[in-house]
Amino acid sequence: MVVGADEAGKGPALGPLVAGAVRADPTDLPAGLADSKELTATRREELAAELRDHPEIAVATAAIEPARIDAPDTDMNGLGVAAQAEAIAAVAESGDDVLADAADTDEGRFGRRLRDAVAEAGTAVDVTAEHGADETHVIVSAASVVAKVERDRRMAEIDGEYDHEVGSGYPSDPTTRAFLAGYVEDHGELPACARATWSTCEDALAAAEQSGLTDF
C-alpha cells in the first residue's frame, strides 16, 4: 500500500485550496489516471467515483477556506503542507510510504514539513515529495483527480450562492473577473468566497473605488 497526495486550487482568486490523498495498492488503481489537468471534467468524475467505490482504496480530502488563506500569519507553502497533511492523516497508517506533489520550490523541505505535520496528527509516515509527481506517479495522479473533483464540487456550490456565474475562480478567467467586478460594484465589498489578499480581488476593489470617485 502507498499513499499519494496532491492539491488543487493553489492559484485561484476564489474558493478553497483542496488537497486529496489516496491510499491504495497501485495494482488496484483504475486505468486512465493522469494529471487531473490533462483529463476532462467528466473523466475526472468517473475516475474519482471508481476510486471512492473501491473497497480496498481509501480516499480523503481537506480544504483550506479563503479566510485562512488571507490570514497574515500564513503562506501558500505552509497551507499546502497543512492541507495535504490533513488529507494524508485521514487515510494513512503508520509506516506507510507517501508520495506527494511538492507545493514548494524546495522538494526536500516540503517533504520534511509534510512528514512532521502528519506525525503531529498521530501517524508516522515516510514522505517523498517531488515536483510534477502527479505526472510521474499514478498514485499521485489519483490524488490529483480526487482533489480537483472536490474543488470543482465546492466551486459549483459557491456558484449556486450568487446571482451571477462565478467561473473557475482563476484570475485568468473572464467570467471570474466579471463576477468580481459586478459584485463589488453592487455591494461595495468582496464576496465571502474571495481571497481578499489576491491582487485580482484588490484590483476589483480599487477599480470600483476609482469608478465611484469618477462618478462623484
N, C-alpha and C. Protein backbone atom coordinates (compact mmCIF):
# COMPACT_ATOMS: atom_id res chain seq x y z
N MET A 1 0.84 -1.19 0.00
CA MET A 1 0.00 0.00 0.00
C MET A 1 0.88 1.25 0.00
N VAL A 2 0.45 2.24 -0.75
CA VAL A 2 1.16 3.50 -0.82
C VAL A 2 0.14 4.63 -0.80
N VAL A 3 0.56 5.80 -0.33
CA VAL A 3 -0.32 6.96 -0.25
C VAL A 3 0.17 8.03 -1.20
N GLY A 4 -0.74 8.59 -1.98
CA GLY A 4 -0.42 9.72 -2.84
C GLY A 4 -1.14 10.95 -2.36
N ALA A 5 -0.53 12.12 -2.54
CA ALA A 5 -1.16 13.37 -2.11
C ALA A 5 -0.88 14.48 -3.10
N ASP A 6 -1.86 15.33 -3.30
CA ASP A 6 -1.73 16.48 -4.20
C ASP A 6 -2.79 17.48 -3.81
N GLU A 7 -2.71 18.69 -4.40
CA GLU A 7 -3.72 19.70 -4.10
C GLU A 7 -4.19 20.36 -5.39
N ALA A 8 -5.35 20.99 -5.30
CA ALA A 8 -5.92 21.74 -6.41
C ALA A 8 -6.39 23.09 -5.88
N GLY A 9 -6.25 24.11 -6.69
CA GLY A 9 -6.75 25.43 -6.29
C GLY A 9 -5.75 26.27 -5.54
N LYS A 10 -4.47 26.13 -5.86
CA LYS A 10 -3.49 26.97 -5.18
C LYS A 10 -3.54 28.40 -5.69
N GLY A 11 -3.82 28.60 -6.98
CA GLY A 11 -3.72 29.93 -7.56
C GLY A 11 -5.00 30.72 -7.74
N PRO A 12 -6.19 30.15 -7.59
CA PRO A 12 -7.42 30.91 -7.85
C PRO A 12 -7.61 32.08 -6.89
N ALA A 13 -8.40 33.05 -7.34
CA ALA A 13 -8.78 34.18 -6.50
C ALA A 13 -10.04 33.90 -5.71
N LEU A 14 -10.75 32.85 -6.07
CA LEU A 14 -12.00 32.48 -5.40
C LEU A 14 -11.94 31.04 -4.92
N GLY A 15 -12.58 30.78 -3.79
CA GLY A 15 -12.77 29.42 -3.33
C GLY A 15 -11.59 28.84 -2.57
N PRO A 16 -11.75 27.61 -2.11
CA PRO A 16 -10.76 27.00 -1.24
C PRO A 16 -9.60 26.35 -1.99
N LEU A 17 -8.54 26.12 -1.27
CA LEU A 17 -7.48 25.20 -1.66
C LEU A 17 -7.91 23.83 -1.18
N VAL A 18 -7.85 22.82 -2.04
CA VAL A 18 -8.30 21.47 -1.67
C VAL A 18 -7.19 20.47 -1.91
N ALA A 19 -6.90 19.65 -0.92
CA ALA A 19 -5.92 18.57 -1.06
C ALA A 19 -6.65 17.24 -1.11
N GLY A 20 -6.05 16.31 -1.82
CA GLY A 20 -6.59 14.96 -1.87
C GLY A 20 -5.51 13.96 -1.50
N ALA A 21 -5.92 12.86 -0.89
CA ALA A 21 -5.00 11.77 -0.56
C ALA A 21 -5.67 10.46 -0.91
N VAL A 22 -4.89 9.53 -1.46
CA VAL A 22 -5.40 8.22 -1.83
C VAL A 22 -4.42 7.17 -1.31
N ARG A 23 -4.94 6.18 -0.60
CA ARG A 23 -4.12 5.06 -0.12
C ARG A 23 -4.57 3.81 -0.84
N ALA A 24 -3.65 3.16 -1.54
CA ALA A 24 -4.04 2.01 -2.35
C ALA A 24 -2.84 1.14 -2.70
N ASP A 25 -3.14 -0.09 -3.07
CA ASP A 25 -2.18 -0.92 -3.79
C ASP A 25 -2.25 -0.42 -5.23
N PRO A 26 -1.13 0.02 -5.80
CA PRO A 26 -1.18 0.58 -7.15
C PRO A 26 -1.86 -0.32 -8.18
N THR A 27 -1.84 -1.62 -7.96
CA THR A 27 -2.48 -2.53 -8.92
C THR A 27 -4.00 -2.43 -8.87
N ASP A 28 -4.53 -1.83 -7.81
CA ASP A 28 -5.99 -1.67 -7.69
C ASP A 28 -6.49 -0.38 -8.33
N LEU A 29 -5.59 0.50 -8.72
CA LEU A 29 -6.00 1.80 -9.25
C LEU A 29 -6.62 1.64 -10.64
N PRO A 30 -7.65 2.43 -10.95
CA PRO A 30 -8.30 2.33 -12.26
C PRO A 30 -7.38 2.79 -13.38
N ALA A 31 -7.61 2.23 -14.56
CA ALA A 31 -6.83 2.62 -15.73
C ALA A 31 -7.20 4.04 -16.16
N GLY A 32 -6.25 4.71 -16.77
CA GLY A 32 -6.53 6.02 -17.33
C GLY A 32 -6.21 7.18 -16.43
N LEU A 33 -5.64 6.93 -15.25
CA LEU A 33 -5.28 8.03 -14.36
C LEU A 33 -4.14 8.85 -14.95
N ALA A 34 -4.23 10.15 -14.76
CA ALA A 34 -3.20 11.07 -15.23
C ALA A 34 -3.33 12.35 -14.42
N ASP A 35 -2.41 13.27 -14.63
CA ASP A 35 -2.53 14.59 -14.04
C ASP A 35 -3.93 15.11 -14.34
N SER A 36 -4.64 15.58 -13.31
CA SER A 36 -6.04 15.97 -13.47
C SER A 36 -6.24 17.03 -14.55
N LYS A 37 -5.21 17.87 -14.78
CA LYS A 37 -5.34 18.93 -15.78
C LYS A 37 -5.41 18.36 -17.20
N GLU A 38 -4.97 17.12 -17.38
CA GLU A 38 -4.96 16.50 -18.71
C GLU A 38 -6.26 15.74 -18.99
N LEU A 39 -7.16 15.69 -18.03
CA LEU A 39 -8.40 14.92 -18.17
C LEU A 39 -9.60 15.85 -18.27
N THR A 40 -10.64 15.40 -18.94
CA THR A 40 -11.88 16.17 -18.98
C THR A 40 -12.57 16.09 -17.63
N ALA A 41 -13.46 17.03 -17.37
CA ALA A 41 -14.19 17.03 -16.11
C ALA A 41 -14.99 15.74 -15.94
N THR A 42 -15.59 15.26 -17.02
CA THR A 42 -16.37 14.03 -16.94
C THR A 42 -15.49 12.85 -16.59
N ARG A 43 -14.32 12.75 -17.22
CA ARG A 43 -13.43 11.63 -16.93
C ARG A 43 -12.90 11.72 -15.50
N ARG A 44 -12.60 12.92 -15.03
CA ARG A 44 -12.15 13.05 -13.64
C ARG A 44 -13.21 12.55 -12.68
N GLU A 45 -14.46 12.91 -12.92
CA GLU A 45 -15.54 12.49 -12.04
C GLU A 45 -15.72 10.97 -12.07
N GLU A 46 -15.57 10.37 -13.24
CA GLU A 46 -15.67 8.91 -13.35
C GLU A 46 -14.56 8.23 -12.55
N LEU A 47 -13.34 8.72 -12.71
CA LEU A 47 -12.22 8.12 -12.00
C LEU A 47 -12.33 8.32 -10.49
N ALA A 48 -12.76 9.50 -10.07
CA ALA A 48 -12.92 9.76 -8.64
C ALA A 48 -13.96 8.82 -8.04
N ALA A 49 -15.04 8.57 -8.77
CA ALA A 49 -16.07 7.66 -8.30
C ALA A 49 -15.53 6.24 -8.19
N GLU A 50 -14.73 5.82 -9.17
CA GLU A 50 -14.13 4.48 -9.12
C GLU A 50 -13.21 4.34 -7.91
N LEU A 51 -12.44 5.37 -7.66
CA LEU A 51 -11.54 5.34 -6.50
C LEU A 51 -12.32 5.24 -5.20
N ARG A 52 -13.35 6.05 -5.06
CA ARG A 52 -14.13 6.06 -3.82
C ARG A 52 -14.93 4.77 -3.62
N ASP A 53 -15.34 4.16 -4.71
CA ASP A 53 -16.19 2.97 -4.62
C ASP A 53 -15.39 1.69 -4.40
N HIS A 54 -14.08 1.73 -4.64
CA HIS A 54 -13.27 0.52 -4.49
C HIS A 54 -13.11 0.17 -3.01
N PRO A 55 -13.43 -1.06 -2.62
CA PRO A 55 -13.40 -1.40 -1.19
C PRO A 55 -12.00 -1.41 -0.56
N GLU A 56 -10.96 -1.49 -1.39
CA GLU A 56 -9.59 -1.55 -0.86
C GLU A 56 -8.84 -0.23 -1.00
N ILE A 57 -9.52 0.78 -1.46
CA ILE A 57 -8.88 2.09 -1.65
C ILE A 57 -9.49 3.10 -0.68
N ALA A 58 -8.62 3.83 0.02
CA ALA A 58 -9.08 4.88 0.95
C ALA A 58 -8.82 6.24 0.32
N VAL A 59 -9.82 7.09 0.41
CA VAL A 59 -9.76 8.42 -0.22
C VAL A 59 -10.16 9.48 0.80
N ALA A 60 -9.46 10.60 0.81
CA ALA A 60 -9.82 11.71 1.70
C ALA A 60 -9.48 13.04 1.04
N THR A 61 -10.18 14.07 1.45
CA THR A 61 -9.87 15.44 1.01
C THR A 61 -9.83 16.36 2.22
N ALA A 62 -9.18 17.49 2.05
CA ALA A 62 -9.12 18.53 3.08
C ALA A 62 -9.12 19.87 2.38
N ALA A 63 -9.81 20.84 2.96
CA ALA A 63 -9.95 22.15 2.33
C ALA A 63 -9.46 23.27 3.24
N ILE A 64 -8.82 24.25 2.64
CA ILE A 64 -8.41 25.48 3.33
C ILE A 64 -9.25 26.61 2.74
N GLU A 65 -10.07 27.23 3.56
CA GLU A 65 -11.01 28.24 3.08
C GLU A 65 -10.32 29.61 2.91
N PRO A 66 -10.94 30.50 2.12
CA PRO A 66 -10.32 31.80 1.84
C PRO A 66 -9.92 32.61 3.08
N ALA A 67 -10.72 32.57 4.12
CA ALA A 67 -10.38 33.35 5.31
C ALA A 67 -9.04 32.93 5.90
N ARG A 68 -8.77 31.62 5.88
CA ARG A 68 -7.49 31.14 6.40
C ARG A 68 -6.37 31.47 5.42
N ILE A 69 -6.64 31.41 4.12
CA ILE A 69 -5.65 31.75 3.12
C ILE A 69 -5.23 33.21 3.27
N ASP A 70 -6.18 34.07 3.62
CA ASP A 70 -5.90 35.51 3.75
C ASP A 70 -5.24 35.89 5.07
N ALA A 71 -5.19 34.97 6.02
CA ALA A 71 -4.63 35.30 7.34
C ALA A 71 -3.18 35.78 7.20
N PRO A 72 -2.79 36.82 7.94
CA PRO A 72 -1.46 37.42 7.76
C PRO A 72 -0.31 36.51 8.20
N ASP A 73 -0.59 35.52 9.03
CA ASP A 73 0.48 34.65 9.52
C ASP A 73 0.61 33.36 8.72
N THR A 74 0.05 33.32 7.51
CA THR A 74 0.13 32.11 6.69
C THR A 74 0.82 32.40 5.36
N ASP A 75 1.22 31.35 4.68
CA ASP A 75 1.72 31.45 3.31
C ASP A 75 1.28 30.20 2.57
N MET A 76 1.30 30.25 1.24
CA MET A 76 0.75 29.15 0.46
C MET A 76 1.54 27.86 0.61
N ASN A 77 2.85 27.95 0.82
CA ASN A 77 3.62 26.73 1.04
C ASN A 77 3.17 26.03 2.31
N GLY A 78 3.00 26.81 3.37
CA GLY A 78 2.55 26.24 4.64
C GLY A 78 1.14 25.71 4.56
N LEU A 79 0.29 26.41 3.82
CA LEU A 79 -1.09 25.94 3.68
C LEU A 79 -1.15 24.68 2.84
N GLY A 80 -0.25 24.57 1.85
CA GLY A 80 -0.18 23.34 1.08
C GLY A 80 0.21 22.16 1.95
N VAL A 81 1.15 22.38 2.85
CA VAL A 81 1.53 21.34 3.81
C VAL A 81 0.34 20.97 4.69
N ALA A 82 -0.34 21.98 5.22
CA ALA A 82 -1.46 21.74 6.13
C ALA A 82 -2.58 20.95 5.46
N ALA A 83 -2.91 21.33 4.23
CA ALA A 83 -4.00 20.66 3.53
C ALA A 83 -3.64 19.21 3.20
N GLN A 84 -2.45 19.02 2.65
CA GLN A 84 -2.05 17.66 2.30
C GLN A 84 -1.90 16.80 3.56
N ALA A 85 -1.36 17.37 4.62
CA ALA A 85 -1.18 16.60 5.85
C ALA A 85 -2.52 16.13 6.42
N GLU A 86 -3.51 17.01 6.39
CA GLU A 86 -4.84 16.63 6.90
C GLU A 86 -5.44 15.50 6.09
N ALA A 87 -5.31 15.59 4.76
CA ALA A 87 -5.86 14.53 3.91
C ALA A 87 -5.10 13.22 4.10
N ILE A 88 -3.78 13.30 4.17
CA ILE A 88 -2.97 12.09 4.37
C ILE A 88 -3.29 11.42 5.69
N ALA A 89 -3.38 12.23 6.74
CA ALA A 89 -3.64 11.67 8.07
C ALA A 89 -4.96 10.93 8.15
N ALA A 90 -5.90 11.30 7.27
CA ALA A 90 -7.21 10.65 7.27
C ALA A 90 -7.19 9.25 6.66
N VAL A 91 -6.14 8.95 5.87
CA VAL A 91 -6.11 7.64 5.21
C VAL A 91 -4.89 6.80 5.57
N ALA A 92 -3.80 7.43 5.98
CA ALA A 92 -2.54 6.73 6.16
C ALA A 92 -2.51 5.88 7.42
N GLU A 93 -1.65 4.86 7.37
CA GLU A 93 -1.35 4.04 8.54
C GLU A 93 0.13 4.17 8.84
N SER A 94 0.49 3.97 10.09
CA SER A 94 1.89 4.12 10.49
C SER A 94 2.81 3.25 9.64
N GLY A 95 3.90 3.87 9.19
CA GLY A 95 4.86 3.15 8.36
C GLY A 95 4.61 3.24 6.88
N ASP A 96 3.49 3.86 6.47
CA ASP A 96 3.19 4.00 5.04
C ASP A 96 4.24 4.87 4.34
N ASP A 97 4.43 4.56 3.07
CA ASP A 97 5.22 5.43 2.21
C ASP A 97 4.27 6.39 1.51
N VAL A 98 4.59 7.68 1.57
CA VAL A 98 3.76 8.72 0.96
C VAL A 98 4.53 9.37 -0.18
N LEU A 99 3.87 9.48 -1.31
CA LEU A 99 4.39 10.24 -2.45
C LEU A 99 3.54 11.49 -2.58
N ALA A 100 4.15 12.65 -2.61
CA ALA A 100 3.40 13.90 -2.64
C ALA A 100 3.92 14.82 -3.73
N ASP A 101 3.02 15.57 -4.32
CA ASP A 101 3.41 16.62 -5.25
C ASP A 101 3.89 17.80 -4.41
N ALA A 102 5.12 18.23 -4.62
CA ALA A 102 5.72 19.26 -3.78
C ALA A 102 5.14 20.64 -4.08
N ALA A 103 4.49 21.22 -3.09
CA ALA A 103 3.91 22.56 -3.23
C ALA A 103 4.88 23.60 -2.66
N ASP A 104 6.13 23.48 -3.05
CA ASP A 104 7.21 24.35 -2.56
C ASP A 104 8.33 24.25 -3.58
N THR A 105 9.11 25.30 -3.74
CA THR A 105 10.24 25.24 -4.66
C THR A 105 11.28 24.23 -4.19
N ASP A 106 11.34 23.98 -2.89
CA ASP A 106 12.30 23.04 -2.31
C ASP A 106 11.57 21.73 -1.99
N GLU A 107 11.79 20.71 -2.81
CA GLU A 107 11.10 19.43 -2.62
C GLU A 107 11.40 18.81 -1.25
N GLY A 108 12.67 18.81 -0.88
CA GLY A 108 13.06 18.19 0.38
C GLY A 108 12.42 18.88 1.57
N ARG A 109 12.41 20.20 1.56
CA ARG A 109 11.79 20.95 2.66
C ARG A 109 10.31 20.63 2.76
N PHE A 110 9.63 20.61 1.62
CA PHE A 110 8.21 20.30 1.64
C PHE A 110 7.97 18.90 2.19
N GLY A 111 8.78 17.94 1.76
CA GLY A 111 8.61 16.58 2.25
C GLY A 111 8.81 16.47 3.75
N ARG A 112 9.81 17.16 4.26
CA ARG A 112 10.07 17.12 5.71
C ARG A 112 8.93 17.77 6.48
N ARG A 113 8.48 18.91 6.00
CA ARG A 113 7.38 19.60 6.70
C ARG A 113 6.10 18.76 6.66
N LEU A 114 5.87 18.10 5.53
CA LEU A 114 4.69 17.26 5.41
C LEU A 114 4.77 16.05 6.33
N ARG A 115 5.92 15.42 6.38
CA ARG A 115 6.12 14.28 7.28
C ARG A 115 5.89 14.69 8.73
N ASP A 116 6.44 15.82 9.13
CA ASP A 116 6.29 16.28 10.50
C ASP A 116 4.84 16.63 10.83
N ALA A 117 4.14 17.23 9.86
CA ALA A 117 2.75 17.61 10.10
C ALA A 117 1.85 16.38 10.25
N VAL A 118 2.11 15.35 9.45
CA VAL A 118 1.33 14.11 9.59
C VAL A 118 1.66 13.44 10.91
N ALA A 119 2.92 13.49 11.32
CA ALA A 119 3.31 12.91 12.61
C ALA A 119 2.61 13.62 13.76
N GLU A 120 2.47 14.95 13.66
CA GLU A 120 1.77 15.70 14.70
C GLU A 120 0.31 15.29 14.79
N ALA A 121 -0.24 14.80 13.67
CA ALA A 121 -1.62 14.31 13.67
C ALA A 121 -1.73 12.89 14.19
N GLY A 122 -0.58 12.26 14.49
CA GLY A 122 -0.60 10.95 15.13
C GLY A 122 -0.19 9.78 14.29
N THR A 123 0.32 10.02 13.06
CA THR A 123 0.71 8.92 12.20
C THR A 123 2.11 9.15 11.66
N ALA A 124 2.98 8.17 11.87
CA ALA A 124 4.35 8.27 11.40
C ALA A 124 4.45 7.66 10.00
N VAL A 125 4.85 8.48 9.02
CA VAL A 125 4.97 8.02 7.64
C VAL A 125 6.29 8.49 7.05
N ASP A 126 6.69 7.85 5.99
CA ASP A 126 7.85 8.30 5.21
C ASP A 126 7.32 9.07 4.01
N VAL A 127 7.89 10.25 3.75
CA VAL A 127 7.38 11.10 2.68
C VAL A 127 8.46 11.38 1.65
N THR A 128 8.09 11.20 0.40
CA THR A 128 8.91 11.65 -0.73
C THR A 128 8.10 12.67 -1.50
N ALA A 129 8.62 13.88 -1.62
CA ALA A 129 7.92 14.95 -2.33
C ALA A 129 8.69 15.30 -3.60
N GLU A 130 7.97 15.40 -4.70
CA GLU A 130 8.59 15.71 -5.98
C GLU A 130 7.75 16.71 -6.75
N HIS A 131 8.40 17.57 -7.51
CA HIS A 131 7.68 18.43 -8.43
C HIS A 131 7.17 17.58 -9.59
N GLY A 132 5.94 17.82 -9.99
CA GLY A 132 5.37 17.06 -11.10
C GLY A 132 5.07 15.61 -10.78
N ALA A 133 4.93 15.30 -9.50
CA ALA A 133 4.67 13.91 -9.12
C ALA A 133 3.34 13.40 -9.66
N ASP A 134 2.39 14.32 -9.91
CA ASP A 134 1.11 13.90 -10.46
C ASP A 134 1.23 13.43 -11.90
N GLU A 135 2.37 13.71 -12.53
CA GLU A 135 2.60 13.27 -13.90
C GLU A 135 3.43 11.99 -13.96
N THR A 136 4.16 11.68 -12.89
CA THR A 136 5.10 10.55 -12.93
C THR A 136 4.71 9.40 -12.00
N HIS A 137 3.82 9.64 -11.06
CA HIS A 137 3.39 8.58 -10.12
C HIS A 137 1.88 8.46 -10.17
N VAL A 138 1.39 7.29 -10.54
CA VAL A 138 -0.05 7.11 -10.73
C VAL A 138 -0.83 7.32 -9.44
N ILE A 139 -0.23 7.00 -8.29
CA ILE A 139 -0.93 7.19 -7.01
C ILE A 139 -1.12 8.69 -6.73
N VAL A 140 -0.19 9.52 -7.18
CA VAL A 140 -0.34 10.97 -7.01
C VAL A 140 -1.34 11.50 -8.05
N SER A 141 -1.34 10.91 -9.23
CA SER A 141 -2.37 11.26 -10.22
C SER A 141 -3.76 11.03 -9.63
N ALA A 142 -3.92 9.91 -8.92
CA ALA A 142 -5.21 9.61 -8.29
C ALA A 142 -5.58 10.70 -7.29
N ALA A 143 -4.61 11.11 -6.47
CA ALA A 143 -4.87 12.17 -5.50
C ALA A 143 -5.19 13.49 -6.19
N SER A 144 -4.51 13.76 -7.30
CA SER A 144 -4.77 14.97 -8.08
C SER A 144 -6.21 15.00 -8.59
N VAL A 145 -6.67 13.86 -9.08
CA VAL A 145 -8.05 13.76 -9.58
C VAL A 145 -9.05 13.99 -8.46
N VAL A 146 -8.83 13.35 -7.33
CA VAL A 146 -9.74 13.49 -6.18
C VAL A 146 -9.80 14.95 -5.72
N ALA A 147 -8.64 15.58 -5.64
CA ALA A 147 -8.60 16.98 -5.18
C ALA A 147 -9.32 17.90 -6.16
N LYS A 148 -9.10 17.70 -7.45
CA LYS A 148 -9.71 18.57 -8.46
C LYS A 148 -11.23 18.39 -8.49
N VAL A 149 -11.71 17.17 -8.38
CA VAL A 149 -13.15 16.92 -8.39
C VAL A 149 -13.81 17.57 -7.17
N GLU A 150 -13.16 17.48 -6.01
CA GLU A 150 -13.72 18.11 -4.82
C GLU A 150 -13.68 19.63 -4.92
N ARG A 151 -12.60 20.16 -5.46
CA ARG A 151 -12.52 21.61 -5.66
C ARG A 151 -13.63 22.08 -6.61
N ASP A 152 -13.85 21.34 -7.70
CA ASP A 152 -14.91 21.70 -8.65
C ASP A 152 -16.29 21.61 -8.00
N ARG A 153 -16.49 20.61 -7.16
CA ARG A 153 -17.77 20.47 -6.47
C ARG A 153 -18.02 21.67 -5.57
N ARG A 154 -17.00 22.08 -4.85
CA ARG A 154 -17.16 23.23 -3.96
C ARG A 154 -17.38 24.52 -4.74
N MET A 155 -16.73 24.64 -5.88
CA MET A 155 -16.95 25.84 -6.70
C MET A 155 -18.37 25.86 -7.26
N ALA A 156 -18.92 24.69 -7.58
CA ALA A 156 -20.31 24.63 -8.04
C ALA A 156 -21.26 25.07 -6.93
N GLU A 157 -20.96 24.68 -5.70
CA GLU A 157 -21.77 25.12 -4.57
C GLU A 157 -21.70 26.64 -4.42
N ILE A 158 -20.50 27.18 -4.53
CA ILE A 158 -20.32 28.63 -4.43
C ILE A 158 -21.09 29.33 -5.54
N ASP A 159 -21.02 28.80 -6.75
CA ASP A 159 -21.72 29.39 -7.88
C ASP A 159 -23.22 29.51 -7.60
N GLY A 160 -23.77 28.50 -6.93
CA GLY A 160 -25.19 28.50 -6.64
C GLY A 160 -25.61 29.52 -5.59
N GLU A 161 -24.63 30.11 -4.91
CA GLU A 161 -24.95 31.08 -3.86
C GLU A 161 -25.12 32.50 -4.41
N TYR A 162 -24.77 32.71 -5.68
CA TYR A 162 -24.79 34.07 -6.24
C TYR A 162 -25.70 34.14 -7.46
N ASP A 163 -26.10 35.36 -7.79
CA ASP A 163 -26.99 35.57 -8.92
C ASP A 163 -26.27 35.47 -10.26
N HIS A 164 -24.96 35.62 -10.24
CA HIS A 164 -24.18 35.58 -11.48
C HIS A 164 -23.15 34.47 -11.40
N GLU A 165 -22.82 33.89 -12.53
CA GLU A 165 -21.85 32.81 -12.61
C GLU A 165 -20.48 33.29 -12.11
N VAL A 166 -19.84 32.49 -11.25
CA VAL A 166 -18.56 32.90 -10.69
C VAL A 166 -17.37 32.41 -11.51
N GLY A 167 -17.59 31.43 -12.39
CA GLY A 167 -16.49 30.91 -13.19
C GLY A 167 -15.61 29.96 -12.41
N SER A 168 -14.41 29.76 -12.91
CA SER A 168 -13.48 28.80 -12.31
C SER A 168 -12.82 29.33 -11.05
N GLY A 169 -12.83 30.65 -10.89
CA GLY A 169 -12.14 31.27 -9.76
C GLY A 169 -10.73 31.71 -10.07
N TYR A 170 -10.21 31.32 -11.23
CA TYR A 170 -8.84 31.68 -11.58
C TYR A 170 -8.77 33.12 -12.13
N PRO A 171 -7.70 33.83 -11.82
CA PRO A 171 -7.57 35.23 -12.27
C PRO A 171 -7.66 35.41 -13.78
N SER A 172 -7.26 34.39 -14.53
CA SER A 172 -7.28 34.49 -15.99
C SER A 172 -8.66 34.26 -16.59
N ASP A 173 -9.63 33.86 -15.77
CA ASP A 173 -10.97 33.54 -16.25
C ASP A 173 -11.80 34.82 -16.37
N PRO A 174 -12.22 35.21 -17.59
CA PRO A 174 -13.02 36.44 -17.75
C PRO A 174 -14.32 36.40 -16.95
N THR A 175 -14.91 35.21 -16.80
CA THR A 175 -16.16 35.10 -16.04
C THR A 175 -15.92 35.44 -14.57
N THR A 176 -14.82 34.97 -14.04
CA THR A 176 -14.48 35.27 -12.65
C THR A 176 -14.21 36.76 -12.45
N ARG A 177 -13.48 37.36 -13.37
CA ARG A 177 -13.18 38.78 -13.26
C ARG A 177 -14.45 39.62 -13.37
N ALA A 178 -15.34 39.21 -14.27
CA ALA A 178 -16.61 39.94 -14.42
C ALA A 178 -17.47 39.79 -13.17
N PHE A 179 -17.48 38.59 -12.59
CA PHE A 179 -18.24 38.37 -11.37
C PHE A 179 -17.73 39.26 -10.25
N LEU A 180 -16.42 39.30 -10.07
CA LEU A 180 -15.85 40.13 -9.00
C LEU A 180 -16.17 41.61 -9.21
N ALA A 181 -15.99 42.07 -10.43
CA ALA A 181 -16.26 43.48 -10.72
C ALA A 181 -17.72 43.83 -10.46
N GLY A 182 -18.62 42.96 -10.90
CA GLY A 182 -20.05 43.21 -10.70
C GLY A 182 -20.46 43.14 -9.25
N TYR A 183 -19.89 42.18 -8.52
CA TYR A 183 -20.26 42.04 -7.11
C TYR A 183 -19.80 43.26 -6.31
N VAL A 184 -18.56 43.67 -6.55
CA VAL A 184 -18.04 44.83 -5.82
C VAL A 184 -18.82 46.09 -6.17
N GLU A 185 -19.19 46.21 -7.43
CA GLU A 185 -19.97 47.38 -7.84
C GLU A 185 -21.33 47.40 -7.14
N ASP A 186 -21.94 46.23 -6.99
CA ASP A 186 -23.27 46.16 -6.39
C ASP A 186 -23.25 46.25 -4.87
N HIS A 187 -22.19 45.71 -4.25
CA HIS A 187 -22.18 45.57 -2.78
C HIS A 187 -21.12 46.41 -2.07
N GLY A 188 -20.17 46.91 -2.81
CA GLY A 188 -19.12 47.72 -2.20
C GLY A 188 -18.09 46.93 -1.43
N GLU A 189 -18.10 45.63 -1.56
CA GLU A 189 -17.14 44.77 -0.88
C GLU A 189 -16.98 43.48 -1.66
N LEU A 190 -15.97 42.69 -1.29
CA LEU A 190 -15.72 41.42 -1.95
C LEU A 190 -16.67 40.35 -1.44
N PRO A 191 -16.99 39.35 -2.26
CA PRO A 191 -17.82 38.25 -1.78
C PRO A 191 -17.04 37.39 -0.79
N ALA A 192 -17.76 36.63 0.01
CA ALA A 192 -17.12 35.81 1.04
C ALA A 192 -16.21 34.74 0.45
N CYS A 193 -16.45 34.35 -0.78
CA CYS A 193 -15.65 33.30 -1.41
C CYS A 193 -14.33 33.81 -1.95
N ALA A 194 -14.09 35.13 -1.89
CA ALA A 194 -12.89 35.73 -2.47
C ALA A 194 -11.69 35.64 -1.53
N ARG A 195 -10.53 35.48 -2.13
CA ARG A 195 -9.28 35.59 -1.39
C ARG A 195 -8.87 37.07 -1.46
N ALA A 196 -9.21 37.78 -0.41
CA ALA A 196 -9.11 39.24 -0.44
C ALA A 196 -7.69 39.75 -0.66
N THR A 197 -6.69 38.95 -0.30
CA THR A 197 -5.31 39.39 -0.45
C THR A 197 -4.75 39.13 -1.83
N TRP A 198 -5.50 38.46 -2.69
CA TRP A 198 -5.06 38.22 -4.06
C TRP A 198 -5.15 39.52 -4.87
N SER A 199 -4.21 39.75 -5.75
CA SER A 199 -4.18 41.01 -6.50
C SER A 199 -5.44 41.19 -7.36
N THR A 200 -5.99 40.09 -7.86
CA THR A 200 -7.21 40.18 -8.67
C THR A 200 -8.34 40.80 -7.86
N CYS A 201 -8.46 40.40 -6.61
CA CYS A 201 -9.52 40.93 -5.74
C CYS A 201 -9.21 42.37 -5.32
N GLU A 202 -7.96 42.64 -5.02
CA GLU A 202 -7.58 44.01 -4.67
C GLU A 202 -7.83 44.95 -5.84
N ASP A 203 -7.56 44.46 -7.07
CA ASP A 203 -7.78 45.28 -8.26
C ASP A 203 -9.26 45.58 -8.45
N ALA A 204 -10.11 44.59 -8.16
CA ALA A 204 -11.56 44.80 -8.31
C ALA A 204 -12.04 45.88 -7.35
N LEU A 205 -11.54 45.87 -6.12
CA LEU A 205 -11.91 46.90 -5.15
C LEU A 205 -11.40 48.26 -5.59
N ALA A 206 -10.16 48.30 -6.05
CA ALA A 206 -9.57 49.57 -6.47
C ALA A 206 -10.32 50.16 -7.67
N ALA A 207 -10.70 49.30 -8.60
CA ALA A 207 -11.42 49.77 -9.79
C ALA A 207 -12.78 50.34 -9.41
N ALA A 208 -13.46 49.67 -8.47
CA ALA A 208 -14.77 50.16 -8.03
C ALA A 208 -14.63 51.48 -7.29
N GLU A 209 -13.57 51.60 -6.49
CA GLU A 209 -13.34 52.85 -5.77
C GLU A 209 -13.05 54.00 -6.74
N GLN A 210 -12.23 53.72 -7.75
CA GLN A 210 -11.90 54.74 -8.74
C GLN A 210 -13.15 55.14 -9.53
N SER A 211 -13.99 54.16 -9.85
CA SER A 211 -15.23 54.45 -10.58
C SER A 211 -16.14 55.35 -9.75
N GLY A 212 -16.19 55.05 -8.45
CA GLY A 212 -17.01 55.86 -7.56
C GLY A 212 -16.53 57.29 -7.48
N LEU A 213 -15.22 57.47 -7.44
CA LEU A 213 -14.66 58.82 -7.38
C LEU A 213 -14.95 59.58 -8.67
N THR A 214 -14.90 58.87 -9.79
CA THR A 214 -15.19 59.49 -11.08
C THR A 214 -16.64 59.94 -11.15
N ASP A 215 -17.53 59.07 -10.67
CA ASP A 215 -18.96 59.41 -10.66
C ASP A 215 -19.23 60.62 -9.79
N PHE A 216 -18.50 60.69 -8.67
CA PHE A 216 -18.69 61.81 -7.75
C PHE A 216 -18.24 63.11 -8.40
